[in-house]
């Protein structure tokens, strides 16, 4: 995908799967890659947000104990997923970028 970015200026990506246990190591890489700035948006893999695959308990070294507790107590899996990504460093624009593409 990184090779495609210069060729396709309208190419964007989402971070839906990057808090799942099998992909969590990529979140920091993606969020800190300057080539992706302004081209990442929030996406949700909704079916998996309510499973252990996307649990905030996978990030004990990245979050404060109070953040972990707050996230764990949130029973809305979609909201918990969004807050988890924000707590792990996803900038505000990641959560608002999709407004440019979704017209109601």
PDB file of N, CA and C in Angstrom:
ATOM      1  N   UNK A   1       0.809  -1.180   0.000  1.00  0.00           N
ATOM      2  CA  UNK A   1       0.000   0.000   0.000  1.00  0.00           C
ATOM      3  C   UNK A   1       0.863   1.258   0.000  1.00  0.00           C
ATOM      4  N   UNK A   2       1.949   1.241   0.768  1.00  0.00           N
ATOM      5  CA  UNK A   2       2.812   2.416   0.840  1.00  0.00           C
ATOM      6  C   UNK A   2       3.363   2.794  -0.532  1.00  0.00           C
ATOM      7  N   UNK A   3       3.636   1.808  -1.356  1.00  0.00           N
ATOM      8  CA  UNK A   3       4.123   2.080  -2.705  1.00  0.00           C
ATOM      9  C   UNK A   3       3.039   2.682  -3.589  1.00  0.00           C
ATOM     10  N   UNK A   4       1.789   2.416  -3.275  1.00  0.00           N
ATOM     11  CA  UNK A   4       0.675   2.917  -4.069  1.00  0.00           C
ATOM     12  C   UNK A   4       0.297   4.354  -3.709  1.00  0.00           C
ATOM     13  N   UNK A   5       0.676   4.827  -2.530  1.00  0.00           N
ATOM     14  CA  UNK A   5       0.267   6.164  -2.087  1.00  0.00           C
ATOM     15  C   UNK A   5       0.672   7.281  -3.043  1.00  0.00           C
ATOM     16  N   UNK A   6       1.925   7.329  -3.510  1.00  0.00           N
ATOM     17  CA  UNK A   6       2.283   8.415  -4.435  1.00  0.00           C
ATOM     18  C   UNK A   6       1.576   8.319  -5.786  1.00  0.00           C
ATOM     19  N   UNK A   7       1.237   7.125  -6.190  1.00  0.00           N
ATOM     20  CA  UNK A   7       0.612   6.910  -7.489  1.00  0.00           C
ATOM     21  C   UNK A   7      -0.882   7.257  -7.448  1.00  0.00           C
ATOM     22  N   UNK A   8      -1.517   6.994  -6.318  1.00  0.00           N
ATOM     23  CA  UNK A   8      -2.957   7.195  -6.167  1.00  0.00           C
ATOM     24  C   UNK A   8      -3.222   8.205  -5.047  1.00  0.00           C
ATOM     25  N   UNK A   9      -3.332   9.480  -5.379  1.00  0.00           N
ATOM     26  CA  UNK A   9      -3.501  10.507  -4.355  1.00  0.00           C
ATOM     27  C   UNK A   9      -4.831  10.411  -3.594  1.00  0.00           C
ATOM     28  N   UNK A  10      -5.779   9.660  -4.106  1.00  0.00           N
ATOM     29  CA  UNK A  10      -7.059   9.491  -3.418  1.00  0.00           C
ATOM     30  C   UNK A  10      -7.152   8.163  -2.674  1.00  0.00           C
ATOM     31  N   UNK A  11      -6.020   7.540  -2.427  1.00  0.00           N
ATOM     32  CA  UNK A  11      -5.988   6.276  -1.687  1.00  0.00           C
ATOM     33  C   UNK A  11      -5.917   6.559  -0.191  1.00  0.00           C
ATOM     34  N   UNK A  12      -6.825   5.972   0.541  1.00  0.00           N
ATOM     35  CA  UNK A  12      -6.882   6.113   1.996  1.00  0.00           C
ATOM     36  C   UNK A  12      -6.925   4.724   2.604  1.00  0.00           C
ATOM     37  N   UNK A  13      -6.673   4.663   3.888  1.00  0.00           N
ATOM     38  CA  UNK A  13      -6.731   3.383   4.594  1.00  0.00           C
ATOM     39  C   UNK A  13      -7.430   3.588   5.934  1.00  0.00           C
ATOM     40  N   UNK A  14      -7.795   2.508   6.563  1.00  0.00           N
ATOM     41  CA  UNK A  14      -8.420   2.615   7.880  1.00  0.00           C
ATOM     42  C   UNK A  14      -7.656   1.765   8.879  1.00  0.00           C
ATOM     43  N   UNK A  15      -7.938   1.993  10.136  1.00  0.00           N
ATOM     44  CA  UNK A  15      -7.214   1.291  11.202  1.00  0.00           C
ATOM     45  C   UNK A  15      -8.105   0.281  11.914  1.00  0.00           C
ATOM     46  N   UNK A  16      -9.095  -0.242  11.213  1.00  0.00           N
ATOM     47  CA  UNK A  16     -10.079  -1.115  11.856  1.00  0.00           C
ATOM     48  C   UNK A  16      -9.474  -2.329  12.550  1.00  0.00           C
ATOM     49  N   UNK A  17      -8.505  -2.953  11.962  1.00  0.00           N
ATOM     50  CA  UNK A  17      -8.000  -4.208  12.523  1.00  0.00           C
ATOM     51  C   UNK A  17      -6.761  -4.040  13.403  1.00  0.00           C
ATOM     52  N   UNK A  18      -6.272  -2.823  13.547  1.00  0.00           N
ATOM     53  CA  UNK A  18      -4.964  -2.650  14.175  1.00  0.00           C
ATOM     54  C   UNK A  18      -4.960  -2.685  15.700  1.00  0.00           C
ATOM     55  N   UNK A  19      -6.084  -2.970  16.314  1.00  0.00           N
ATOM     56  CA  UNK A  19      -6.080  -3.237  17.758  1.00  0.00           C
ATOM     57  C   UNK A  19      -6.383  -4.707  18.037  1.00  0.00           C
ATOM     58  N   UNK A  20      -6.480  -5.496  17.003  1.00  0.00           N
ATOM     59  CA  UNK A  20      -6.689  -6.929  17.198  1.00  0.00           C
ATOM     60  C   UNK A  20      -5.359  -7.583  17.564  1.00  0.00           C
ATOM     61  N   UNK A  21      -5.429  -8.626  18.350  1.00  0.00           N
ATOM     62  CA  UNK A  21      -4.228  -9.246  18.914  1.00  0.00           C
ATOM     63  C   UNK A  21      -3.202  -9.650  17.864  1.00  0.00           C
ATOM     64  N   UNK A  22      -3.632 -10.031  16.691  1.00  0.00           N
ATOM     65  CA  UNK A  22      -2.694 -10.480  15.661  1.00  0.00           C
ATOM     66  C   UNK A  22      -2.118  -9.345  14.816  1.00  0.00           C
ATOM     67  N   UNK A  23      -2.560  -8.100  15.061  1.00  0.00           N
ATOM     68  CA  UNK A  23      -2.055  -6.971  14.264  1.00  0.00           C
ATOM     69  C   UNK A  23      -1.664  -5.761  15.098  1.00  0.00           C
ATOM     70  N   UNK A  24      -1.761  -5.865  16.399  1.00  0.00           N
ATOM     71  CA  UNK A  24      -1.576  -4.696  17.261  1.00  0.00           C
ATOM     72  C   UNK A  24      -0.182  -4.081  17.164  1.00  0.00           C
ATOM     73  N   UNK A  25       0.803  -4.829  16.758  1.00  0.00           N
ATOM     74  CA  UNK A  25       2.166  -4.274  16.664  1.00  0.00           C
ATOM     75  C   UNK A  25       2.289  -3.244  15.540  1.00  0.00           C
ATOM     76  N   UNK A  26       1.335  -3.206  14.619  1.00  0.00           N
ATOM     77  CA  UNK A  26       1.400  -2.289  13.492  1.00  0.00           C
ATOM     78  C   UNK A  26       0.776  -0.918  13.778  1.00  0.00           C
ATOM     79  N   UNK A  27       0.010  -0.785  14.829  1.00  0.00           N
ATOM     80  CA  UNK A  27      -0.697   0.471  15.076  1.00  0.00           C
ATOM     81  C   UNK A  27       0.266   1.651  15.191  1.00  0.00           C
ATOM     82  N   UNK A  28       1.279   1.541  16.021  1.00  0.00           N
ATOM     83  CA  UNK A  28       2.241   2.640  16.167  1.00  0.00           C
ATOM     84  C   UNK A  28       2.970   2.929  14.861  1.00  0.00           C
ATOM     85  N   UNK A  29       3.296   1.899  14.132  1.00  0.00           N
ATOM     86  CA  UNK A  29       3.996   2.076  12.850  1.00  0.00           C
ATOM     87  C   UNK A  29       3.127   2.902  11.900  1.00  0.00           C
ATOM     88  N   UNK A  30       1.878   2.533  11.777  1.00  0.00           N
ATOM     89  CA  UNK A  30       0.963   3.227  10.870  1.00  0.00           C
ATOM     90  C   UNK A  30       0.722   4.662  11.336  1.00  0.00           C
ATOM     91  N   UNK A  31       0.477   4.850  12.618  1.00  0.00           N
ATOM     92  CA  UNK A  31       0.179   6.194  13.127  1.00  0.00           C
ATOM     93  C   UNK A  31       1.377   7.134  13.028  1.00  0.00           C
ATOM     94  N   UNK A  32       2.574   6.601  13.022  1.00  0.00           N
ATOM     95  CA  UNK A  32       3.773   7.440  12.992  1.00  0.00           C
ATOM     96  C   UNK A  32       4.449   7.528  11.629  1.00  0.00           C
ATOM     97  N   UNK A  33       3.886   6.913  10.621  1.00  0.00           N
ATOM     98  CA  UNK A  33       4.466   6.971   9.280  1.00  0.00           C
ATOM     99  C   UNK A  33       3.975   8.248   8.589  1.00  0.00           C
ATOM    100  N   UNK A  34       4.885   9.156   8.304  1.00  0.00           N
ATOM    101  CA  UNK A  34       4.509  10.454   7.731  1.00  0.00           C
ATOM    102  C   UNK A  34       3.824  10.310   6.368  1.00  0.00           C
ATOM    103  N   UNK A  35       4.087   9.235   5.662  1.00  0.00           N
ATOM    104  CA  UNK A  35       3.453   9.034   4.354  1.00  0.00           C
ATOM    105  C   UNK A  35       1.955   8.800   4.484  1.00  0.00           C
ATOM    106  N   UNK A  36       1.524   8.377   5.663  1.00  0.00           N
ATOM    107  CA  UNK A  36       0.114   8.073   5.870  1.00  0.00           C
ATOM    108  C   UNK A  36      -0.661   9.206   6.533  1.00  0.00           C
ATOM    109  N   UNK A  37       0.019  10.240   6.972  1.00  0.00           N
ATOM    110  CA  UNK A  37      -0.669  11.342   7.634  1.00  0.00           C
ATOM    111  C   UNK A  37      -1.713  11.950   6.705  1.00  0.00           C
ATOM    112  N   UNK A  38      -2.909  12.109   7.245  1.00  0.00           N
ATOM    113  CA  UNK A  38      -4.015  12.645   6.459  1.00  0.00           C
ATOM    114  C   UNK A  38      -4.690  11.639   5.557  1.00  0.00           C
ATOM    115  N   UNK A  39      -4.241  10.377   5.633  1.00  0.00           N
ATOM    116  CA  UNK A  39      -4.818   9.358   4.754  1.00  0.00           C
ATOM    117  C   UNK A  39      -5.297   8.132   5.531  1.00  0.00           C
ATOM    118  N   UNK A  40      -5.393   8.289   6.833  1.00  0.00           N
ATOM    119  CA  UNK A  40      -5.877   7.202   7.704  1.00  0.00           C
ATOM    120  C   UNK A  40      -7.200   7.628   8.291  1.00  0.00           C
ATOM    121  N   UNK A  41      -8.169   6.741   8.281  1.00  0.00           N
ATOM    122  CA  UNK A  41      -9.453   7.038   8.916  1.00  0.00           C
ATOM    123  C   UNK A  41      -9.871   5.895   9.831  1.00  0.00           C
ATOM    124  N   UNK A  42     -10.762   6.238  10.739  1.00  0.00           N
ATOM    125  CA  UNK A  42     -11.281   5.234  11.655  1.00  0.00           C
ATOM    126  C   UNK A  42     -12.205   4.308  10.898  1.00  0.00           C
ATOM    127  N   UNK A  43     -11.981   3.048  11.084  1.00  0.00           N
ATOM    128  CA  UNK A  43     -12.865   2.027  10.564  1.00  0.00           C
ATOM    129  C   UNK A  43     -13.096   1.040  11.690  1.00  0.00           C
ATOM    130  N   UNK A  44     -14.192   0.367  11.643  1.00  0.00           N
ATOM    131  CA  UNK A  44     -14.456  -0.615  12.676  1.00  0.00           C
ATOM    132  C   UNK A  44     -14.723  -1.969  12.052  1.00  0.00           C
ATOM    133  N   UNK A  45     -14.118  -2.943  12.609  1.00  0.00           N
ATOM    134  CA  UNK A  45     -14.408  -4.319  12.247  1.00  0.00           C
ATOM    135  C   UNK A  45     -15.443  -4.781  13.265  1.00  0.00           C
ATOM    136  N   UNK A  46     -16.643  -4.230  13.161  1.00  0.00           N
ATOM    137  CA  UNK A  46     -17.645  -4.299  14.223  1.00  0.00           C
ATOM    138  C   UNK A  46     -17.870  -5.703  14.783  1.00  0.00           C
ATOM    139  N   UNK A  47     -17.862  -6.672  13.941  1.00  0.00           N
ATOM    140  CA  UNK A  47     -18.119  -8.031  14.434  1.00  0.00           C
ATOM    141  C   UNK A  47     -17.053  -8.494  15.419  1.00  0.00           C
ATOM    142  N   UNK A  48     -15.846  -7.984  15.277  1.00  0.00           N
ATOM    143  CA  UNK A  48     -14.752  -8.426  16.134  1.00  0.00           C
ATOM    144  C   UNK A  48     -14.517  -7.531  17.346  1.00  0.00           C
ATOM    145  N   UNK A  49     -15.176  -6.374  17.405  1.00  0.00           N
ATOM    146  CA  UNK A  49     -14.921  -5.465  18.524  1.00  0.00           C
ATOM    147  C   UNK A  49     -15.440  -6.004  19.847  1.00  0.00           C
ATOM    148  N   UNK A  50     -16.327  -6.944  19.807  1.00  0.00           N
ATOM    149  CA  UNK A  50     -16.896  -7.510  21.030  1.00  0.00           C
ATOM    150  C   UNK A  50     -16.309  -8.882  21.336  1.00  0.00           C
ATOM    151  N   UNK A  51     -15.077  -9.106  20.910  1.00  0.00           N
ATOM    152  CA  UNK A  51     -14.402 -10.377  21.154  1.00  0.00           C
ATOM    153  C   UNK A  51     -13.068 -10.107  21.844  1.00  0.00           C
ATOM    154  N   UNK A  52     -12.448 -11.114  22.390  1.00  0.00           N
ATOM    155  CA  UNK A  52     -11.119 -10.934  22.985  1.00  0.00           C
ATOM    156  C   UNK A  52     -10.052 -10.491  21.987  1.00  0.00           C
ATOM    157  N   UNK A  53     -10.328 -10.628  20.683  1.00  0.00           N
ATOM    158  CA  UNK A  53      -9.354 -10.227  19.665  1.00  0.00           C
ATOM    159  C   UNK A  53      -9.038  -8.739  19.726  1.00  0.00           C
ATOM    160  N   UNK A  54      -9.975  -7.921  20.206  1.00  0.00           N
ATOM    161  CA  UNK A  54      -9.782  -6.465  20.236  1.00  0.00           C
ATOM    162  C   UNK A  54      -9.927  -5.918  21.656  1.00  0.00           C
ATOM    163  N   UNK A  55      -9.505  -6.658  22.621  1.00  0.00           N
ATOM    164  CA  UNK A  55      -9.654  -6.260  24.026  1.00  0.00           C
ATOM    165  C   UNK A  55      -8.616  -5.217  24.433  1.00  0.00           C
ATOM    166  N   UNK A  56      -9.033  -4.218  25.205  1.00  0.00           N
ATOM    167  CA  UNK A  56      -8.057  -3.257  25.718  1.00  0.00           C
ATOM    168  C   UNK A  56      -7.052  -3.901  26.677  1.00  0.00           C
ATOM    169  N   UNK A  57      -7.382  -5.066  27.196  1.00  0.00           N
ATOM    170  CA  UNK A  57      -6.476  -5.749  28.124  1.00  0.00           C
ATOM    171  C   UNK A  57      -5.197  -6.236  27.435  1.00  0.00           C
ATOM    172  N   UNK A  58      -5.152  -6.155  26.120  1.00  0.00           N
ATOM    173  CA  UNK A  58      -3.933  -6.519  25.380  1.00  0.00           C
ATOM    174  C   UNK A  58      -2.869  -5.429  25.439  1.00  0.00           C
ATOM    175  N   UNK A  59      -3.205  -4.289  26.014  1.00  0.00           N
ATOM    176  CA  UNK A  59      -2.308  -3.136  25.977  1.00  0.00           C
ATOM    177  C   UNK A  59      -1.920  -2.640  27.371  1.00  0.00           C
ATOM    178  N   UNK A  60      -1.538  -3.526  28.270  1.00  0.00           N
ATOM    179  CA  UNK A  60      -1.218  -3.079  29.645  1.00  0.00           C
ATOM    180  C   UNK A  60       0.013  -2.181  29.716  1.00  0.00           C
ATOM    181  N   UNK A  61       0.913  -2.277  28.748  1.00  0.00           N
ATOM    182  CA  UNK A  61       2.114  -1.448  28.769  1.00  0.00           C
ATOM    183  C   UNK A  61       1.921  -0.132  28.015  1.00  0.00           C
ATOM    184  N   UNK A  62       0.806  -0.003  27.302  1.00  0.00           N
ATOM    185  CA  UNK A  62       0.555   1.195  26.503  1.00  0.00           C
ATOM    186  C   UNK A  62      -0.451   2.144  27.136  1.00  0.00           C
ATOM    187  N   UNK A  63      -1.201   1.642  28.113  1.00  0.00           N
ATOM    188  CA  UNK A  63      -2.261   2.433  28.725  1.00  0.00           C
ATOM    189  C   UNK A  63      -2.071   2.507  30.231  1.00  0.00           C
ATOM    190  N   UNK A  64      -2.555   3.581  30.800  1.00  0.00           N
ATOM    191  CA  UNK A  64      -2.559   3.689  32.262  1.00  0.00           C
ATOM    192  C   UNK A  64      -3.615   2.743  32.812  1.00  0.00           C
ATOM    193  N   UNK A  65      -3.438   2.349  34.063  1.00  0.00           N
ATOM    194  CA  UNK A  65      -4.379   1.426  34.694  1.00  0.00           C
ATOM    195  C   UNK A  65      -5.795   2.000  34.681  1.00  0.00           C
ATOM    196  N   UNK A  66      -5.924   3.290  34.933  1.00  0.00           N
ATOM    197  CA  UNK A  66      -7.256   3.918  34.942  1.00  0.00           C
ATOM    198  C   UNK A  66      -7.890   3.878  33.550  1.00  0.00           C
ATOM    199  N   UNK A  67      -7.070   4.039  32.500  1.00  0.00           N
ATOM    200  CA  UNK A  67      -7.593   3.939  31.139  1.00  0.00           C
ATOM    201  C   UNK A  67      -8.081   2.518  30.851  1.00  0.00           C
ATOM    202  N   UNK A  68      -7.282   1.542  31.257  1.00  0.00           N
ATOM    203  CA  UNK A  68      -7.683   0.143  31.046  1.00  0.00           C
ATOM    204  C   UNK A  68      -9.014  -0.147  31.730  1.00  0.00           C
ATOM    205  N   UNK A  69      -9.137   0.288  32.967  1.00  0.00           N
ATOM    206  CA  UNK A  69     -10.374   0.039  33.722  1.00  0.00           C
ATOM    207  C   UNK A  69     -11.564   0.717  33.062  1.00  0.00           C
ATOM    208  N   UNK A  70     -11.383   1.960  32.659  1.00  0.00           N
ATOM    209  CA  UNK A  70     -12.465   2.702  32.017  1.00  0.00           C
ATOM    210  C   UNK A  70     -12.891   2.037  30.711  1.00  0.00           C
ATOM    211  N   UNK A  71     -11.921   1.653  29.906  1.00  0.00           N
ATOM    212  CA  UNK A  71     -12.231   0.979  28.644  1.00  0.00           C
ATOM    213  C   UNK A  71     -12.914  -0.361  28.885  1.00  0.00           C
ATOM    214  N   UNK A  72     -12.439  -1.100  29.829  1.00  0.00           N
ATOM    215  CA  UNK A  72     -12.994  -2.423  30.112  1.00  0.00           C
ATOM    216  C   UNK A  72     -14.440  -2.329  30.582  1.00  0.00           C
ATOM    217  N   UNK A  73     -14.760  -1.282  31.339  1.00  0.00           N
ATOM    218  CA  UNK A  73     -16.126  -1.123  31.862  1.00  0.00           C
ATOM    219  C   UNK A  73     -17.113  -0.656  30.798  1.00  0.00           C
ATOM    220  N   UNK A  74     -16.624  -0.134  29.700  1.00  0.00           N
ATOM    221  CA  UNK A  74     -17.505   0.347  28.640  1.00  0.00           C
ATOM    222  C   UNK A  74     -18.134  -0.857  27.937  1.00  0.00           C
ATOM    223  N   UNK A  75     -19.418  -1.001  28.018  1.00  0.00           N
ATOM    224  CA  UNK A  75     -20.108  -2.181  27.468  1.00  0.00           C
ATOM    225  C   UNK A  75     -20.457  -2.044  25.988  1.00  0.00           C
ATOM    226  N   UNK A  76     -20.369  -0.841  25.452  1.00  0.00           N
ATOM    227  CA  UNK A  76     -20.633  -0.633  24.030  1.00  0.00           C
ATOM    228  C   UNK A  76     -19.344  -0.944  23.279  1.00  0.00           C
ATOM    229  N   UNK A  77     -19.311  -2.049  22.572  1.00  0.00           N
ATOM    230  CA  UNK A  77     -18.062  -2.501  21.951  1.00  0.00           C
ATOM    231  C   UNK A  77     -17.550  -1.549  20.878  1.00  0.00           C
ATOM    232  N   UNK A  78     -18.426  -0.908  20.163  1.00  0.00           N
ATOM    233  CA  UNK A  78     -18.009   0.034  19.129  1.00  0.00           C
ATOM    234  C   UNK A  78     -17.370   1.264  19.766  1.00  0.00           C
ATOM    235  N   UNK A  79     -18.017   1.789  20.794  1.00  0.00           N
ATOM    236  CA  UNK A  79     -17.482   2.942  21.512  1.00  0.00           C
ATOM    237  C   UNK A  79     -16.150   2.584  22.189  1.00  0.00           C
ATOM    238  N   UNK A  80     -16.082   1.402  22.766  1.00  0.00           N
ATOM    239  CA  UNK A  80     -14.838   0.950  23.408  1.00  0.00           C
ATOM    240  C   UNK A  80     -13.696   0.875  22.397  1.00  0.00           C
ATOM    241  N   UNK A  81     -13.981   0.372  21.207  1.00  0.00           N
ATOM    242  CA  UNK A  81     -12.973   0.271  20.155  1.00  0.00           C
ATOM    243  C   UNK A  81     -12.481   1.655  19.733  1.00  0.00           C
ATOM    244  N   UNK A  82     -13.392   2.580  19.546  1.00  0.00           N
ATOM    245  CA  UNK A  82     -13.023   3.945  19.172  1.00  0.00           C
ATOM    246  C   UNK A  82     -12.163   4.584  20.268  1.00  0.00           C
ATOM    247  N   UNK A  83     -12.585   4.460  21.505  1.00  0.00           N
ATOM    248  CA  UNK A  83     -11.833   5.045  22.618  1.00  0.00           C
ATOM    249  C   UNK A  83     -10.471   4.378  22.805  1.00  0.00           C
ATOM    250  N   UNK A  84     -10.399   3.087  22.545  1.00  0.00           N
ATOM    251  CA  UNK A  84      -9.125   2.385  22.639  1.00  0.00           C
ATOM    252  C   UNK A  84      -8.139   2.938  21.617  1.00  0.00           C
ATOM    253  N   UNK A  85      -8.579   3.088  20.386  1.00  0.00           N
ATOM    254  CA  UNK A  85      -7.694   3.615  19.346  1.00  0.00           C
ATOM    255  C   UNK A  85      -7.247   5.035  19.678  1.00  0.00           C
ATOM    256  N   UNK A  86      -8.148   5.841  20.212  1.00  0.00           N
ATOM    257  CA  UNK A  86      -7.788   7.210  20.608  1.00  0.00           C
ATOM    258  C   UNK A  86      -6.776   7.184  21.753  1.00  0.00           C
ATOM    259  N   UNK A  87      -6.995   6.324  22.730  1.00  0.00           N
ATOM    260  CA  UNK A  87      -6.076   6.224  23.874  1.00  0.00           C
ATOM    261  C   UNK A  87      -4.698   5.738  23.453  1.00  0.00           C
ATOM    262  N   UNK A  88      -4.645   4.972  22.371  1.00  0.00           N
ATOM    263  CA  UNK A  88      -3.367   4.454  21.881  1.00  0.00           C
ATOM    264  C   UNK A  88      -2.668   5.424  20.931  1.00  0.00           C
ATOM    265  N   UNK A  89      -3.257   6.596  20.733  1.00  0.00           N
ATOM    266  CA  UNK A  89      -2.558   7.632  19.993  1.00  0.00           C
ATOM    267  C   UNK A  89      -3.115   8.025  18.644  1.00  0.00           C
ATOM    268  N   UNK A  90      -4.242   7.462  18.248  1.00  0.00           N
ATOM    269  CA  UNK A  90      -4.825   7.874  16.972  1.00  0.00           C
ATOM    270  C   UNK A  90      -5.269   9.330  17.090  1.00  0.00           C
ATOM    271  N   UNK A  91      -4.799  10.191  16.194  1.00  0.00           N
ATOM    272  CA  UNK A  91      -5.168  11.607  16.276  1.00  0.00           C
ATOM    273  C   UNK A  91      -6.634  11.837  15.914  1.00  0.00           C
ATOM    274  N   UNK A  92      -7.153  12.979  16.333  1.00  0.00           N
ATOM    275  CA  UNK A  92      -8.558  13.305  16.116  1.00  0.00           C
ATOM    276  C   UNK A  92      -8.964  13.216  14.647  1.00  0.00           C
ATOM    277  N   UNK A  93      -8.077  13.631  13.739  1.00  0.00           N
ATOM    278  CA  UNK A  93      -8.426  13.616  12.317  1.00  0.00           C
ATOM    279  C   UNK A  93      -8.738  12.213  11.802  1.00  0.00           C
ATOM    280  N   UNK A  94      -8.195  11.188  12.427  1.00  0.00           N
ATOM    281  CA  UNK A  94      -8.485   9.806  12.027  1.00  0.00           C
ATOM    282  C   UNK A  94      -9.975   9.510  12.201  1.00  0.00           C
ATOM    283  N   UNK A  95     -10.580  10.118  13.211  1.00  0.00           N
ATOM    284  CA  UNK A  95     -11.990   9.860  13.506  1.00  0.00           C
ATOM    285  C   UNK A  95     -12.946  10.779  12.755  1.00  0.00           C
ATOM    286  N   UNK A  96     -12.422  11.823  12.121  1.00  0.00           N
ATOM    287  CA  UNK A  96     -13.288  12.771  11.415  1.00  0.00           C
ATOM    288  C   UNK A  96     -13.100  12.747   9.901  1.00  0.00           C
ATOM    289  N   UNK A  97     -12.043  12.132   9.417  1.00  0.00           N
ATOM    290  CA  UNK A  97     -11.733  12.137   7.991  1.00  0.00           C
ATOM    291  C   UNK A  97     -12.844  11.526   7.136  1.00  0.00           C
ATOM    292  N   UNK A  98     -13.503  10.523   7.624  1.00  0.00           N
ATOM    293  CA  UNK A  98     -14.529   9.839   6.821  1.00  0.00           C
ATOM    294  C   UNK A  98     -15.683  10.762   6.460  1.00  0.00           C
ATOM    295  N   UNK A  99     -15.867  11.846   7.192  1.00  0.00           N
ATOM    296  CA  UNK A  99     -16.953  12.798   6.866  1.00  0.00           C
ATOM    297  C   UNK A  99     -16.802  13.363   5.453  1.00  0.00           C
ATOM    298  N   UNK A 100     -15.581  13.432   4.976  1.00  0.00           N
ATOM    299  CA  UNK A 100     -15.353  13.942   3.621  1.00  0.00           C
ATOM    300  C   UNK A 100     -15.890  12.990   2.553  1.00  0.00           C
ATOM    301  N   UNK A 101     -16.059  11.727   2.911  1.00  0.00           N
ATOM    302  CA  UNK A 101     -16.430  10.720   1.924  1.00  0.00           C
ATOM    303  C   UNK A 101     -17.861  10.224   2.079  1.00  0.00           C
ATOM    304  N   UNK A 102     -18.407  10.370   3.260  1.00  0.00           N
ATOM    305  CA  UNK A 102     -19.756   9.870   3.526  1.00  0.00           C
ATOM    306  C   UNK A 102     -20.742  11.034   3.469  1.00  0.00           C
ATOM    307  N   UNK A 103     -21.572  11.033   2.481  1.00  0.00           N
ATOM    308  CA  UNK A 103     -22.553  12.094   2.310  1.00  0.00           C
ATOM    309  C   UNK A 103     -23.935  11.477   2.550  1.00  0.00           C
ATOM    310  N   UNK A 104     -24.675  12.114   3.427  1.00  0.00           N
ATOM    311  CA  UNK A 104     -26.011  11.599   3.741  1.00  0.00           C
ATOM    312  C   UNK A 104     -27.066  12.502   3.176  1.00  0.00           C
TER     313      UNK A 104
END
